[in-house]
Amino acid sequence: MASEIRKIHEDLISKKYTCLDLINDKLQQLEASNLNSSNLLLRELAVEKASAVDKKIANGQTIGLLEGIPFGIKDVYLLQGTVSTASSDMLKQYKAPYTATAIQKLLDAGAIPIAKENCDCFGHGSTSENTVFGPVKNALDATM
């Protein structure tokens, strides 16, 4: 099975599209989505990081396998300076004072966070139905 990450990496290196185009496309998909999967889009941060990747590629620098790869952060993980609600009403205004280690490792590898993702309140559950933002809908069947 082919790796989607490797394919995107190769497409970026070959300049099939820019990282900024990739990130803007993913952000537009999330904005247009009716699945209720994202609590917060990280547009400004994502665009800044995508532009840096494009600059590296334009300058002929090597990029790592995860550099420029978009990813979502479950809203129970902290990203410094962003609102991290844990999909709860109690934390609707909470700004993260630091970044979770798992997220920092992705950032250090050059991956680009594009959204804080909806989940069960405080991550307690498995269906993403028990959230202040409303249940997440199934991507294969939005009636579920």
Foldseek 3Di string as FASTA:
>chain_A
DDDPLQVVLVCCLVPVDALLVVLVVVLVCVVPDPQQWFPFWPVVQQNVLSVVSRVCSVVVHDAASQASAEDEAALLFADAQDQRQLLEPVRRPPGGNHGDPVVVVSVVSRHGYTGHTQAARNNPDDQSQRGNSHRGADPVDRVD
